N, C-alpha and C. Protein backbone atom coordinates (compact mmCIF):
# COMPACT_ATOMS: atom_id res chain seq x y z
N MET A 1 0.85 -1.19 0.00
CA MET A 1 0.00 0.00 0.00
C MET A 1 0.89 1.25 0.00
N SER A 2 0.44 2.35 -0.62
CA SER A 2 1.22 3.58 -0.62
C SER A 2 1.18 4.23 0.75
N ASN A 3 2.10 5.18 1.00
CA ASN A 3 2.20 5.89 2.28
C ASN A 3 2.57 4.97 3.43
N GLY A 4 2.98 3.71 3.14
CA GLY A 4 3.39 2.80 4.19
C GLY A 4 2.26 2.33 5.08
N LEU A 5 1.02 2.40 4.61
CA LEU A 5 -0.12 2.01 5.42
C LEU A 5 -0.48 0.55 5.20
N SER A 6 -0.81 -0.13 6.27
CA SER A 6 -1.27 -1.51 6.15
C SER A 6 -2.73 -1.51 5.74
N ARG A 7 -3.25 -2.67 5.34
CA ARG A 7 -4.64 -2.76 4.94
C ARG A 7 -5.55 -2.36 6.10
N ARG A 8 -5.19 -2.78 7.32
CA ARG A 8 -6.02 -2.43 8.48
C ARG A 8 -6.04 -0.93 8.69
N GLU A 9 -4.88 -0.29 8.55
CA GLU A 9 -4.81 1.15 8.74
C GLU A 9 -5.57 1.90 7.66
N VAL A 10 -5.64 1.31 6.46
CA VAL A 10 -6.35 1.95 5.38
C VAL A 10 -7.84 1.99 5.68
N ASN A 11 -8.37 0.97 6.33
CA ASN A 11 -9.80 0.85 6.55
C ASN A 11 -10.30 1.44 7.85
N LEU A 12 -9.41 1.70 8.80
CA LEU A 12 -9.81 2.20 10.10
C LEU A 12 -9.25 3.59 10.36
N PRO A 13 -9.95 4.41 11.15
CA PRO A 13 -9.43 5.74 11.49
C PRO A 13 -8.14 5.60 12.30
N PRO A 14 -7.31 6.63 12.31
CA PRO A 14 -6.11 6.58 13.16
C PRO A 14 -6.50 6.49 14.63
N GLU A 15 -5.60 6.01 15.45
CA GLU A 15 -5.92 5.78 16.87
C GLU A 15 -6.35 7.05 17.59
N TRP A 16 -5.82 8.20 17.21
CA TRP A 16 -6.13 9.43 17.91
C TRP A 16 -7.50 9.99 17.51
N TRP A 17 -8.08 9.51 16.42
CA TRP A 17 -9.31 10.11 15.89
C TRP A 17 -10.50 9.75 16.77
N ASN A 18 -11.36 10.75 17.00
CA ASN A 18 -12.58 10.54 17.77
C ASN A 18 -13.61 11.55 17.30
N SER A 19 -14.85 11.13 17.16
CA SER A 19 -15.89 12.03 16.65
C SER A 19 -16.11 13.22 17.57
N SER A 20 -15.78 13.08 18.85
CA SER A 20 -15.99 14.18 19.80
C SER A 20 -15.06 15.37 19.52
N LEU A 21 -14.00 15.14 18.76
CA LEU A 21 -13.09 16.22 18.40
C LEU A 21 -13.80 17.32 17.62
N TYR A 22 -14.92 16.97 17.01
CA TYR A 22 -15.64 17.89 16.14
C TYR A 22 -16.86 18.52 16.81
N ASP A 23 -17.04 18.31 18.09
CA ASP A 23 -18.24 18.80 18.77
C ASP A 23 -18.43 20.31 18.58
N TYR A 24 -17.35 21.06 18.56
CA TYR A 24 -17.46 22.51 18.45
C TYR A 24 -18.00 22.97 17.11
N THR A 25 -17.95 22.11 16.09
CA THR A 25 -18.42 22.51 14.76
C THR A 25 -19.93 22.57 14.67
N ASN A 26 -20.64 22.01 15.65
CA ASN A 26 -22.10 21.99 15.59
C ASN A 26 -22.70 23.39 15.61
N GLU A 27 -22.05 24.31 16.31
CA GLU A 27 -22.55 25.68 16.41
C GLU A 27 -21.55 26.67 15.80
N MET A 28 -20.72 26.21 14.90
CA MET A 28 -19.65 27.05 14.36
C MET A 28 -20.18 28.04 13.31
N PRO A 29 -19.81 29.33 13.42
CA PRO A 29 -20.25 30.32 12.43
C PRO A 29 -19.46 30.20 11.13
N LEU A 30 -19.83 30.99 10.15
CA LEU A 30 -19.22 30.89 8.83
C LEU A 30 -17.72 31.12 8.86
N ASN A 31 -17.26 32.13 9.64
CA ASN A 31 -15.82 32.39 9.65
C ASN A 31 -15.04 31.22 10.24
N GLY A 32 -15.69 30.42 11.11
CA GLY A 32 -15.05 29.22 11.62
C GLY A 32 -14.89 28.16 10.53
N TRP A 33 -15.90 28.02 9.69
CA TRP A 33 -15.81 27.06 8.58
C TRP A 33 -14.72 27.48 7.59
N ILE A 34 -14.63 28.77 7.34
CA ILE A 34 -13.58 29.27 6.45
C ILE A 34 -12.21 28.92 7.02
N TRP A 35 -12.05 29.10 8.33
CA TRP A 35 -10.79 28.76 8.98
C TRP A 35 -10.47 27.27 8.83
N GLU A 36 -11.46 26.42 9.08
CA GLU A 36 -11.23 24.97 9.01
C GLU A 36 -10.93 24.53 7.57
N PHE A 37 -11.61 25.13 6.59
CA PHE A 37 -11.31 24.82 5.20
C PHE A 37 -9.88 25.27 4.84
N MET A 38 -9.54 26.48 5.28
CA MET A 38 -8.24 27.06 4.94
C MET A 38 -7.08 26.23 5.45
N ARG A 39 -7.15 25.83 6.71
CA ARG A 39 -6.00 25.11 7.28
C ARG A 39 -5.86 23.72 6.66
N ARG A 40 -6.96 23.10 6.31
CA ARG A 40 -6.87 21.80 5.64
C ARG A 40 -6.30 21.93 4.24
N ALA A 41 -6.70 23.00 3.54
CA ALA A 41 -6.19 23.22 2.19
C ALA A 41 -4.68 23.43 2.20
N ARG A 42 -4.20 24.16 3.19
CA ARG A 42 -2.76 24.44 3.25
C ARG A 42 -1.97 23.23 3.73
N LEU A 43 -2.56 22.45 4.62
CA LEU A 43 -1.90 21.20 5.02
C LEU A 43 -1.87 20.22 3.86
N LEU A 44 -2.95 20.19 3.07
CA LEU A 44 -3.01 19.29 1.92
C LEU A 44 -1.87 19.59 0.95
N LYS A 45 -1.59 20.86 0.77
CA LYS A 45 -0.50 21.27 -0.12
C LYS A 45 0.86 21.00 0.51
N ASN A 46 1.01 21.33 1.78
CA ASN A 46 2.30 21.21 2.44
C ASN A 46 2.73 19.76 2.67
N LEU A 47 1.77 18.90 2.97
CA LEU A 47 2.11 17.51 3.30
C LEU A 47 2.41 16.66 2.06
N GLU A 48 2.12 17.20 0.89
CA GLU A 48 2.53 16.60 -0.38
C GLU A 48 2.16 15.11 -0.50
N GLY A 49 0.89 14.82 -0.36
CA GLY A 49 0.43 13.45 -0.56
C GLY A 49 0.25 12.64 0.70
N ARG A 50 0.83 13.10 1.79
CA ARG A 50 0.61 12.40 3.07
C ARG A 50 -0.76 12.76 3.62
N PRO A 51 -1.38 11.88 4.38
CA PRO A 51 -2.72 12.15 4.90
C PRO A 51 -2.76 13.41 5.76
N VAL A 52 -3.75 14.25 5.54
CA VAL A 52 -3.93 15.43 6.37
C VAL A 52 -4.55 15.01 7.69
N ASP A 53 -3.87 15.29 8.79
CA ASP A 53 -4.37 14.93 10.12
C ASP A 53 -4.69 16.20 10.91
N ALA A 54 -5.55 17.03 10.34
CA ALA A 54 -5.83 18.36 10.88
C ALA A 54 -6.34 18.35 12.31
N MET A 55 -6.99 17.26 12.72
CA MET A 55 -7.56 17.20 14.06
C MET A 55 -6.68 16.44 15.05
N ASN A 56 -5.52 16.04 14.62
CA ASN A 56 -4.61 15.27 15.46
C ASN A 56 -4.22 16.10 16.69
N PRO A 57 -4.60 15.67 17.89
CA PRO A 57 -4.29 16.45 19.09
C PRO A 57 -2.81 16.39 19.47
N GLU A 58 -2.07 15.44 18.93
CA GLU A 58 -0.65 15.31 19.24
C GLU A 58 0.15 15.08 17.95
N PRO A 59 0.20 16.07 17.09
CA PRO A 59 0.97 15.93 15.84
C PRO A 59 2.46 15.91 16.12
N ASP A 60 3.24 15.61 15.09
CA ASP A 60 4.69 15.55 15.22
C ASP A 60 5.24 16.97 15.37
N ILE A 61 5.37 17.42 16.61
CA ILE A 61 5.74 18.80 16.90
C ILE A 61 7.08 19.19 16.27
N ALA A 62 8.07 18.33 16.39
CA ALA A 62 9.40 18.66 15.89
C ALA A 62 9.37 18.96 14.40
N LYS A 63 8.69 18.10 13.66
CA LYS A 63 8.63 18.29 12.21
C LYS A 63 7.81 19.53 11.86
N LEU A 64 6.73 19.75 12.60
CA LEU A 64 5.86 20.89 12.31
C LEU A 64 6.56 22.21 12.57
N ILE A 65 7.34 22.27 13.66
CA ILE A 65 8.08 23.49 13.97
C ILE A 65 9.16 23.72 12.92
N GLU A 66 9.79 22.65 12.48
CA GLU A 66 10.84 22.77 11.46
C GLU A 66 10.29 23.39 10.18
N TYR A 67 9.10 23.00 9.80
CA TYR A 67 8.50 23.51 8.57
C TYR A 67 7.50 24.64 8.80
N ASP A 68 7.36 25.09 10.05
CA ASP A 68 6.46 26.19 10.39
C ASP A 68 5.01 25.87 10.04
N TRP A 69 4.59 24.63 10.31
CA TRP A 69 3.23 24.20 9.99
C TRP A 69 2.36 24.06 11.24
N LEU A 70 2.92 24.21 12.39
CA LEU A 70 2.18 23.96 13.63
C LEU A 70 0.92 24.81 13.71
N ARG A 71 0.97 26.02 13.18
CA ARG A 71 -0.18 26.92 13.25
C ARG A 71 -1.40 26.36 12.54
N TYR A 72 -1.19 25.46 11.57
CA TYR A 72 -2.32 24.90 10.83
C TYR A 72 -3.02 23.77 11.60
N TYR A 73 -2.56 23.47 12.78
CA TYR A 73 -3.22 22.47 13.63
C TYR A 73 -4.07 23.12 14.72
N ARG A 74 -4.23 24.42 14.66
CA ARG A 74 -5.07 25.12 15.62
C ARG A 74 -6.51 25.12 15.11
N THR A 75 -7.40 24.51 15.86
CA THR A 75 -8.80 24.47 15.46
C THR A 75 -9.48 25.80 15.75
N TYR A 76 -10.65 25.98 15.20
CA TYR A 76 -11.43 27.19 15.47
C TYR A 76 -11.69 27.33 16.97
N GLU A 77 -11.93 26.21 17.62
CA GLU A 77 -12.17 26.21 19.06
C GLU A 77 -10.94 26.72 19.81
N GLN A 78 -9.76 26.30 19.38
CA GLN A 78 -8.52 26.73 20.04
C GLN A 78 -8.22 28.20 19.81
N LEU A 79 -8.80 28.77 18.76
CA LEU A 79 -8.65 30.20 18.52
C LEU A 79 -9.57 31.03 19.41
N GLY A 80 -10.44 30.34 20.13
CA GLY A 80 -11.37 31.03 21.00
C GLY A 80 -12.47 31.75 20.25
N GLY A 81 -12.71 31.31 19.02
CA GLY A 81 -13.77 31.92 18.23
C GLY A 81 -13.41 33.27 17.64
N ARG A 82 -12.14 33.71 17.76
CA ARG A 82 -11.73 35.01 17.25
C ARG A 82 -10.80 34.84 16.05
N VAL A 83 -11.40 34.47 14.92
CA VAL A 83 -10.62 34.30 13.70
C VAL A 83 -10.03 35.63 13.24
N ASP A 84 -10.72 36.73 13.53
CA ASP A 84 -10.24 38.03 13.08
C ASP A 84 -8.89 38.39 13.67
N ARG A 85 -8.56 37.81 14.82
CA ARG A 85 -7.27 38.09 15.44
C ARG A 85 -6.15 37.27 14.81
N ALA A 86 -6.52 36.24 14.04
CA ALA A 86 -5.52 35.37 13.45
C ALA A 86 -5.41 35.53 11.94
N VAL A 87 -6.50 35.98 11.31
CA VAL A 87 -6.55 36.04 9.85
C VAL A 87 -6.72 37.47 9.36
N PHE A 88 -5.93 37.84 8.36
CA PHE A 88 -6.06 39.15 7.74
C PHE A 88 -6.81 39.00 6.43
N LEU A 89 -7.94 39.68 6.32
CA LEU A 89 -8.72 39.69 5.09
C LEU A 89 -8.43 41.00 4.37
N PRO A 90 -7.78 40.97 3.21
CA PRO A 90 -7.42 42.21 2.50
C PRO A 90 -8.65 43.08 2.25
N PRO A 91 -8.56 44.37 2.57
CA PRO A 91 -9.71 45.26 2.37
C PRO A 91 -9.96 45.52 0.89
N ALA A 92 -11.20 45.88 0.57
CA ALA A 92 -11.55 46.19 -0.81
C ALA A 92 -10.99 47.55 -1.23
N VAL A 93 -10.77 48.44 -0.24
CA VAL A 93 -10.24 49.77 -0.50
C VAL A 93 -8.99 49.97 0.36
N TYR A 94 -7.93 50.45 -0.25
CA TYR A 94 -6.69 50.65 0.51
C TYR A 94 -5.92 51.83 -0.07
N PHE A 95 -4.98 52.33 0.71
CA PHE A 95 -4.16 53.46 0.32
C PHE A 95 -2.72 52.97 0.15
N PRO A 96 -2.18 52.96 -1.07
CA PRO A 96 -0.82 52.44 -1.30
C PRO A 96 0.22 53.11 -0.42
N GLY A 97 1.14 52.29 0.06
CA GLY A 97 2.22 52.83 0.87
C GLY A 97 1.94 52.89 2.35
N THR A 98 0.75 52.45 2.76
CA THR A 98 0.39 52.44 4.17
C THR A 98 -0.08 51.05 4.57
N TRP A 99 -0.12 50.80 5.88
CA TRP A 99 -0.64 49.52 6.35
C TRP A 99 -2.12 49.43 5.99
N PRO A 100 -2.55 48.33 5.41
CA PRO A 100 -3.96 48.20 5.03
C PRO A 100 -4.86 48.14 6.26
N MET A 101 -6.07 48.65 6.11
CA MET A 101 -7.04 48.62 7.21
C MET A 101 -7.33 47.18 7.62
N GLY A 102 -7.41 46.96 8.92
CA GLY A 102 -7.72 45.63 9.42
C GLY A 102 -6.50 44.78 9.71
N PHE A 103 -5.31 45.26 9.33
CA PHE A 103 -4.10 44.48 9.59
C PHE A 103 -3.54 44.85 10.95
N HIS A 104 -3.43 43.84 11.81
CA HIS A 104 -2.91 44.06 13.16
C HIS A 104 -1.88 42.97 13.50
N GLY A 105 -1.06 42.62 12.54
CA GLY A 105 -0.02 41.63 12.78
C GLY A 105 -0.51 40.19 12.74
N GLN A 106 -1.63 39.94 12.09
CA GLN A 106 -2.16 38.58 12.02
C GLN A 106 -1.17 37.64 11.32
N GLN A 107 -1.17 36.37 11.77
CA GLN A 107 -0.26 35.39 11.20
C GLN A 107 -0.66 34.95 9.80
N TYR A 108 -1.94 34.91 9.54
CA TYR A 108 -2.43 34.32 8.30
C TYR A 108 -3.11 35.36 7.43
N SER A 109 -2.98 35.20 6.14
CA SER A 109 -3.59 36.13 5.20
C SER A 109 -4.40 35.36 4.18
N ILE A 110 -5.62 35.81 3.94
CA ILE A 110 -6.45 35.22 2.90
C ILE A 110 -6.34 36.14 1.69
N GLU A 111 -5.45 35.80 0.80
CA GLU A 111 -5.23 36.66 -0.36
C GLU A 111 -4.67 35.85 -1.52
N ASP A 112 -5.22 36.08 -2.68
CA ASP A 112 -4.74 35.45 -3.90
C ASP A 112 -4.86 36.50 -5.00
N GLU A 113 -3.73 36.92 -5.56
CA GLU A 113 -3.75 37.98 -6.56
C GLU A 113 -4.65 37.64 -7.75
N GLN A 114 -4.78 36.36 -8.07
CA GLN A 114 -5.62 35.95 -9.20
C GLN A 114 -7.10 36.21 -8.93
N LEU A 115 -7.46 36.38 -7.66
CA LEU A 115 -8.85 36.62 -7.32
C LEU A 115 -9.17 38.11 -7.18
N ARG A 116 -8.20 38.95 -7.46
CA ARG A 116 -8.40 40.38 -7.28
C ARG A 116 -8.48 41.08 -8.64
N GLU A 117 -9.29 42.12 -8.69
CA GLU A 117 -9.47 42.92 -9.90
C GLU A 117 -9.38 44.38 -9.50
N ARG A 118 -8.15 44.92 -9.51
CA ARG A 118 -7.92 46.27 -9.00
C ARG A 118 -8.06 47.32 -10.11
N ARG A 119 -8.55 48.48 -9.73
CA ARG A 119 -8.57 49.66 -10.59
C ARG A 119 -8.23 50.86 -9.73
N GLU A 120 -7.44 51.77 -10.26
CA GLU A 120 -7.00 52.93 -9.50
C GLU A 120 -8.04 54.04 -9.55
N ILE A 121 -8.34 54.62 -8.40
CA ILE A 121 -9.27 55.74 -8.29
C ILE A 121 -8.57 56.86 -7.53
N ILE A 122 -8.61 58.06 -8.06
CA ILE A 122 -7.97 59.21 -7.43
C ILE A 122 -9.01 60.03 -6.69
N VAL A 123 -8.70 60.38 -5.45
CA VAL A 123 -9.63 61.13 -4.61
C VAL A 123 -9.07 62.53 -4.33
N ASP A 124 -9.89 63.52 -4.53
CA ASP A 124 -9.52 64.91 -4.23
C ASP A 124 -9.95 65.21 -2.79
N PHE A 125 -9.00 65.18 -1.86
CA PHE A 125 -9.33 65.39 -0.46
C PHE A 125 -9.56 66.87 -0.12
N ASN A 126 -9.55 67.69 -1.12
CA ASN A 126 -9.89 69.09 -0.91
C ASN A 126 -11.39 69.30 -0.95
N ARG A 127 -12.14 68.21 -1.20
CA ARG A 127 -13.61 68.28 -1.23
C ARG A 127 -14.18 67.73 0.07
N ARG A 128 -15.42 68.12 0.35
CA ARG A 128 -16.07 67.66 1.57
C ARG A 128 -16.41 66.17 1.48
N ASN A 129 -16.54 65.53 2.65
CA ASN A 129 -16.79 64.08 2.70
C ASN A 129 -18.02 63.67 1.90
N GLU A 130 -19.13 64.43 2.06
CA GLU A 130 -20.35 64.04 1.38
C GLU A 130 -20.21 64.10 -0.13
N VAL A 131 -19.38 65.02 -0.63
CA VAL A 131 -19.15 65.13 -2.07
C VAL A 131 -18.32 63.93 -2.54
N ILE A 132 -17.27 63.60 -1.78
CA ILE A 132 -16.42 62.47 -2.14
C ILE A 132 -17.23 61.18 -2.16
N ILE A 133 -18.02 60.97 -1.12
CA ILE A 133 -18.82 59.74 -1.03
C ILE A 133 -19.84 59.67 -2.17
N SER A 134 -20.49 60.79 -2.47
CA SER A 134 -21.48 60.82 -3.55
C SER A 134 -20.82 60.52 -4.89
N ASP A 135 -19.68 61.14 -5.16
CA ASP A 135 -18.98 60.90 -6.42
C ASP A 135 -18.48 59.46 -6.52
N PHE A 136 -18.01 58.92 -5.38
CA PHE A 136 -17.52 57.54 -5.38
C PHE A 136 -18.65 56.57 -5.71
N LYS A 137 -19.83 56.79 -5.13
CA LYS A 137 -20.96 55.91 -5.39
C LYS A 137 -21.37 55.96 -6.86
N ARG A 138 -21.36 57.16 -7.44
CA ARG A 138 -21.73 57.28 -8.85
C ARG A 138 -20.71 56.57 -9.74
N LEU A 139 -19.43 56.72 -9.38
CA LEU A 139 -18.38 56.07 -10.15
C LEU A 139 -18.46 54.56 -10.00
N LEU A 140 -18.74 54.09 -8.78
CA LEU A 140 -18.87 52.65 -8.53
C LEU A 140 -20.00 52.06 -9.37
N ASN A 141 -21.14 52.74 -9.40
CA ASN A 141 -22.27 52.25 -10.19
C ASN A 141 -21.91 52.16 -11.68
N LYS A 142 -21.14 53.11 -12.14
CA LYS A 142 -20.72 53.10 -13.54
C LYS A 142 -19.74 51.97 -13.82
N MET A 143 -18.78 51.77 -12.91
CA MET A 143 -17.76 50.73 -13.12
C MET A 143 -18.34 49.33 -12.98
N ARG A 144 -19.42 49.19 -12.20
CA ARG A 144 -20.04 47.88 -12.04
C ARG A 144 -20.64 47.36 -13.35
N LYS A 145 -20.86 48.23 -14.31
CA LYS A 145 -21.36 47.79 -15.60
C LYS A 145 -20.28 47.00 -16.35
N THR A 146 -19.03 47.33 -16.07
CA THR A 146 -17.90 46.61 -16.68
C THR A 146 -17.42 45.48 -15.78
N PHE A 147 -17.47 45.72 -14.46
CA PHE A 147 -17.04 44.72 -13.48
C PHE A 147 -18.21 44.40 -12.55
N PRO A 148 -19.08 43.48 -12.95
CA PRO A 148 -20.28 43.16 -12.15
C PRO A 148 -19.92 42.69 -10.75
N GLU A 149 -20.79 42.98 -9.81
CA GLU A 149 -20.59 42.54 -8.44
C GLU A 149 -20.64 41.02 -8.38
N PRO A 150 -19.71 40.38 -7.68
CA PRO A 150 -19.71 38.90 -7.58
C PRO A 150 -21.02 38.40 -7.01
N LYS A 151 -21.48 37.28 -7.55
CA LYS A 151 -22.72 36.70 -7.07
C LYS A 151 -22.56 36.21 -5.63
N ARG A 152 -23.63 36.30 -4.89
CA ARG A 152 -23.62 35.84 -3.51
C ARG A 152 -23.50 34.31 -3.48
N MET A 153 -22.66 33.82 -2.58
CA MET A 153 -22.48 32.37 -2.46
C MET A 153 -23.51 31.82 -1.47
N ASN A 154 -24.27 30.85 -1.91
CA ASN A 154 -25.31 30.25 -1.08
C ASN A 154 -24.71 29.14 -0.22
N VAL A 155 -24.52 29.44 1.05
CA VAL A 155 -23.92 28.45 1.95
C VAL A 155 -24.94 28.02 3.00
N ARG A 156 -24.89 26.76 3.36
CA ARG A 156 -25.81 26.22 4.35
C ARG A 156 -25.00 25.57 5.47
N ILE A 157 -24.66 26.40 6.45
CA ILE A 157 -23.81 25.94 7.54
C ILE A 157 -24.44 24.78 8.30
N ALA A 158 -25.73 24.85 8.53
CA ALA A 158 -26.40 23.79 9.27
C ALA A 158 -26.27 22.45 8.54
N ASP A 159 -26.35 22.50 7.22
CA ASP A 159 -26.19 21.27 6.42
C ASP A 159 -24.77 20.75 6.51
N TRP A 160 -23.80 21.67 6.51
CA TRP A 160 -22.40 21.24 6.61
C TRP A 160 -22.17 20.49 7.91
N ALA A 161 -22.69 21.04 8.99
CA ALA A 161 -22.52 20.39 10.30
C ALA A 161 -23.30 19.08 10.35
N GLY A 162 -24.55 19.12 9.88
CA GLY A 162 -25.40 17.94 9.95
C GLY A 162 -24.96 16.80 9.06
N ASN A 163 -24.23 17.14 7.99
CA ASN A 163 -23.74 16.12 7.06
C ASN A 163 -22.29 15.73 7.34
N TYR A 164 -21.72 16.27 8.41
CA TYR A 164 -20.37 15.86 8.86
C TYR A 164 -19.31 16.00 7.76
N ILE A 165 -19.35 17.11 7.04
CA ILE A 165 -18.46 17.20 5.89
C ILE A 165 -16.98 17.20 6.27
N LEU A 166 -16.62 17.80 7.42
CA LEU A 166 -15.22 17.78 7.83
C LEU A 166 -14.81 16.38 8.29
N GLN A 167 -15.68 15.70 9.00
CA GLN A 167 -15.38 14.35 9.47
C GLN A 167 -15.16 13.40 8.28
N VAL A 168 -16.05 13.48 7.30
CA VAL A 168 -15.93 12.61 6.13
C VAL A 168 -14.64 12.90 5.37
N TRP A 169 -14.35 14.18 5.15
CA TRP A 169 -13.14 14.54 4.41
C TRP A 169 -11.89 14.06 5.15
N ASP A 170 -11.87 14.27 6.46
CA ASP A 170 -10.70 13.86 7.25
C ASP A 170 -10.49 12.35 7.21
N LEU A 171 -11.56 11.59 7.35
CA LEU A 171 -11.43 10.13 7.36
C LEU A 171 -11.03 9.59 5.99
N ARG A 172 -11.50 10.22 4.93
CA ARG A 172 -11.08 9.78 3.59
C ARG A 172 -9.60 10.07 3.36
N GLN A 173 -9.06 11.08 4.05
CA GLN A 173 -7.63 11.33 3.96
C GLN A 173 -6.84 10.12 4.44
N HIS A 174 -7.41 9.39 5.37
CA HIS A 174 -6.76 8.20 5.90
C HIS A 174 -7.27 6.92 5.23
N ARG A 175 -7.92 7.11 4.08
CA ARG A 175 -8.38 5.99 3.24
C ARG A 175 -9.35 5.05 3.95
N CYS A 176 -10.12 5.61 4.85
CA CYS A 176 -11.14 4.80 5.50
C CYS A 176 -12.21 4.45 4.48
N SER A 177 -12.72 3.24 4.57
CA SER A 177 -13.78 2.81 3.66
C SER A 177 -15.06 3.59 3.95
N TRP A 178 -15.96 3.64 2.98
CA TRP A 178 -17.22 4.35 3.19
C TRP A 178 -18.01 3.71 4.32
N ARG A 179 -17.96 2.42 4.41
CA ARG A 179 -18.69 1.73 5.49
C ARG A 179 -18.12 2.13 6.85
N THR A 180 -16.79 2.16 6.94
CA THR A 180 -16.15 2.57 8.20
C THR A 180 -16.54 3.99 8.57
N ILE A 181 -16.58 4.88 7.58
CA ILE A 181 -16.92 6.27 7.83
C ILE A 181 -18.33 6.40 8.37
N THR A 182 -19.27 5.76 7.70
CA THR A 182 -20.67 5.88 8.14
C THR A 182 -20.88 5.29 9.53
N GLU A 183 -20.12 4.24 9.86
CA GLU A 183 -20.25 3.64 11.18
C GLU A 183 -19.54 4.48 12.25
N SER A 184 -18.42 5.09 11.88
CA SER A 184 -17.63 5.85 12.84
C SER A 184 -18.34 7.12 13.31
N ILE A 185 -19.11 7.72 12.42
CA ILE A 185 -19.78 8.97 12.78
C ILE A 185 -21.30 8.80 12.84
N ASN A 186 -21.75 7.53 12.82
CA ASN A 186 -23.19 7.25 12.91
C ASN A 186 -23.96 8.02 11.85
N PHE A 187 -23.49 7.91 10.62
CA PHE A 187 -24.05 8.66 9.50
C PHE A 187 -25.36 8.04 9.06
N ILE A 188 -26.46 8.70 9.38
CA ILE A 188 -27.78 8.15 9.09
C ILE A 188 -28.06 8.11 7.59
N GLY A 189 -27.54 9.05 6.86
CA GLY A 189 -27.82 9.14 5.42
C GLY A 189 -27.23 8.04 4.58
N GLY A 190 -26.29 7.28 5.11
CA GLY A 190 -25.69 6.20 4.35
C GLY A 190 -24.55 6.66 3.46
N ILE A 191 -24.04 5.72 2.66
CA ILE A 191 -22.85 5.98 1.85
C ILE A 191 -23.08 7.07 0.81
N SER A 192 -24.24 7.10 0.17
CA SER A 192 -24.49 8.12 -0.85
C SER A 192 -24.43 9.52 -0.25
N SER A 193 -24.97 9.71 0.95
CA SER A 193 -24.91 11.01 1.61
C SER A 193 -23.48 11.34 2.03
N ALA A 194 -22.74 10.34 2.45
CA ALA A 194 -21.34 10.56 2.82
C ALA A 194 -20.52 11.00 1.61
N ARG A 195 -20.81 10.43 0.46
CA ARG A 195 -20.12 10.84 -0.77
C ARG A 195 -20.43 12.30 -1.10
N ASN A 196 -21.69 12.68 -0.93
CA ASN A 196 -22.08 14.07 -1.17
C ASN A 196 -21.37 15.01 -0.21
N ALA A 197 -21.21 14.56 1.04
CA ALA A 197 -20.50 15.36 2.04
C ALA A 197 -19.05 15.57 1.62
N LEU A 198 -18.43 14.51 1.11
CA LEU A 198 -17.05 14.62 0.65
C LEU A 198 -16.94 15.60 -0.52
N ASN A 199 -17.89 15.54 -1.44
CA ASN A 199 -17.86 16.45 -2.59
C ASN A 199 -17.96 17.90 -2.15
N THR A 200 -18.81 18.16 -1.16
CA THR A 200 -18.94 19.53 -0.66
C THR A 200 -17.65 20.01 -0.02
N ALA A 201 -17.09 19.19 0.87
CA ALA A 201 -15.85 19.58 1.54
C ALA A 201 -14.71 19.74 0.54
N SER A 202 -14.63 18.86 -0.44
CA SER A 202 -13.55 18.91 -1.43
C SER A 202 -13.63 20.17 -2.28
N ARG A 203 -14.85 20.63 -2.54
CA ARG A 203 -15.00 21.85 -3.34
C ARG A 203 -14.37 23.04 -2.63
N TYR A 204 -14.57 23.13 -1.33
CA TYR A 204 -14.03 24.26 -0.59
C TYR A 204 -12.56 24.07 -0.23
N ILE A 205 -12.14 22.83 0.02
CA ILE A 205 -10.77 22.58 0.45
C ILE A 205 -9.86 22.32 -0.75
N ASN A 206 -10.10 21.26 -1.48
CA ASN A 206 -9.22 20.87 -2.58
C ASN A 206 -9.25 21.85 -3.75
N LYS A 207 -10.43 22.39 -4.04
CA LYS A 207 -10.58 23.27 -5.21
C LYS A 207 -10.48 24.75 -4.86
N GLY A 208 -10.21 25.05 -3.60
CA GLY A 208 -9.93 26.43 -3.21
C GLY A 208 -11.10 27.38 -3.10
N GLU A 209 -12.32 26.85 -3.05
CA GLU A 209 -13.47 27.73 -2.94
C GLU A 209 -13.53 28.47 -1.61
N TRP A 210 -12.74 28.02 -0.63
CA TRP A 210 -12.72 28.71 0.66
C TRP A 210 -12.24 30.16 0.50
N GLN A 211 -11.36 30.40 -0.49
CA GLN A 211 -10.85 31.75 -0.69
C GLN A 211 -11.95 32.68 -1.19
N ARG A 212 -12.70 32.21 -2.17
CA ARG A 212 -13.80 33.03 -2.69
C ARG A 212 -14.85 33.27 -1.61
N LEU A 213 -15.08 32.25 -0.81
CA LEU A 213 -16.04 32.37 0.28
C LEU A 213 -15.59 33.41 1.29
N ALA A 214 -14.31 33.40 1.61
CA ALA A 214 -13.76 34.36 2.58
C ALA A 214 -13.84 35.79 2.06
N LEU A 215 -13.52 35.98 0.79
CA LEU A 215 -13.51 37.33 0.22
C LEU A 215 -14.91 37.89 0.07
N ARG A 216 -15.90 37.01 -0.02
CA ARG A 216 -17.27 37.48 -0.17
C ARG A 216 -18.03 37.55 1.15
N ALA A 217 -17.54 36.81 2.14
CA ALA A 217 -18.23 36.80 3.42
C ALA A 217 -18.00 38.10 4.20
N ASP A 218 -16.76 38.62 4.16
CA ASP A 218 -16.42 39.87 4.85
C ASP A 218 -16.82 39.81 6.31
N LEU A 219 -16.41 38.73 7.00
CA LEU A 219 -16.79 38.55 8.38
C LEU A 219 -15.66 38.83 9.37
N PHE A 220 -14.54 39.30 8.87
CA PHE A 220 -13.40 39.45 9.75
C PHE A 220 -13.23 40.89 10.23
């Protein structure tokens, strides 16, 4: 078997795994889901084919410190529910040459240049605030004809929690069989629902949709 895993290890969760590790996700807000998607996506890239063990309470500290990956093992619960203190969300409006608004030394940044569409706007600060704001709104309305506002992303947090999408994704990282997964998390929906859960999680983690979600949520 690849990754040095035995057949038994392929079919069963790792010894440290327990469904109670995910209890905090039942009431987790959207910014918490973005955090959980983000750290799994970055571990998936950094571990280069090795199973992502994002919920491992005792990861290999020495190796993680060597590669500066330890921060990606902090759950939303361990952040104390304050993602804004850990993540910097680039503002839509900024002044070149100065620290961007909202940046307070956060460790993590949600930013991808390919997802940005910048245009330069010059402001005459010799005008009153109400004039500047009025002119900006008129200009924004005009520019939106060329650059339409991104469509709202329809997210269903309750469904994500109820369908155990993080649990399913994590267990598939360890090549657990579908039967093992449904039994481990008492998945009432069966294998077909578990597959759908994996597809949802993979869209946000593997395919990077967490970035678009973060930039449109503006919850930080």
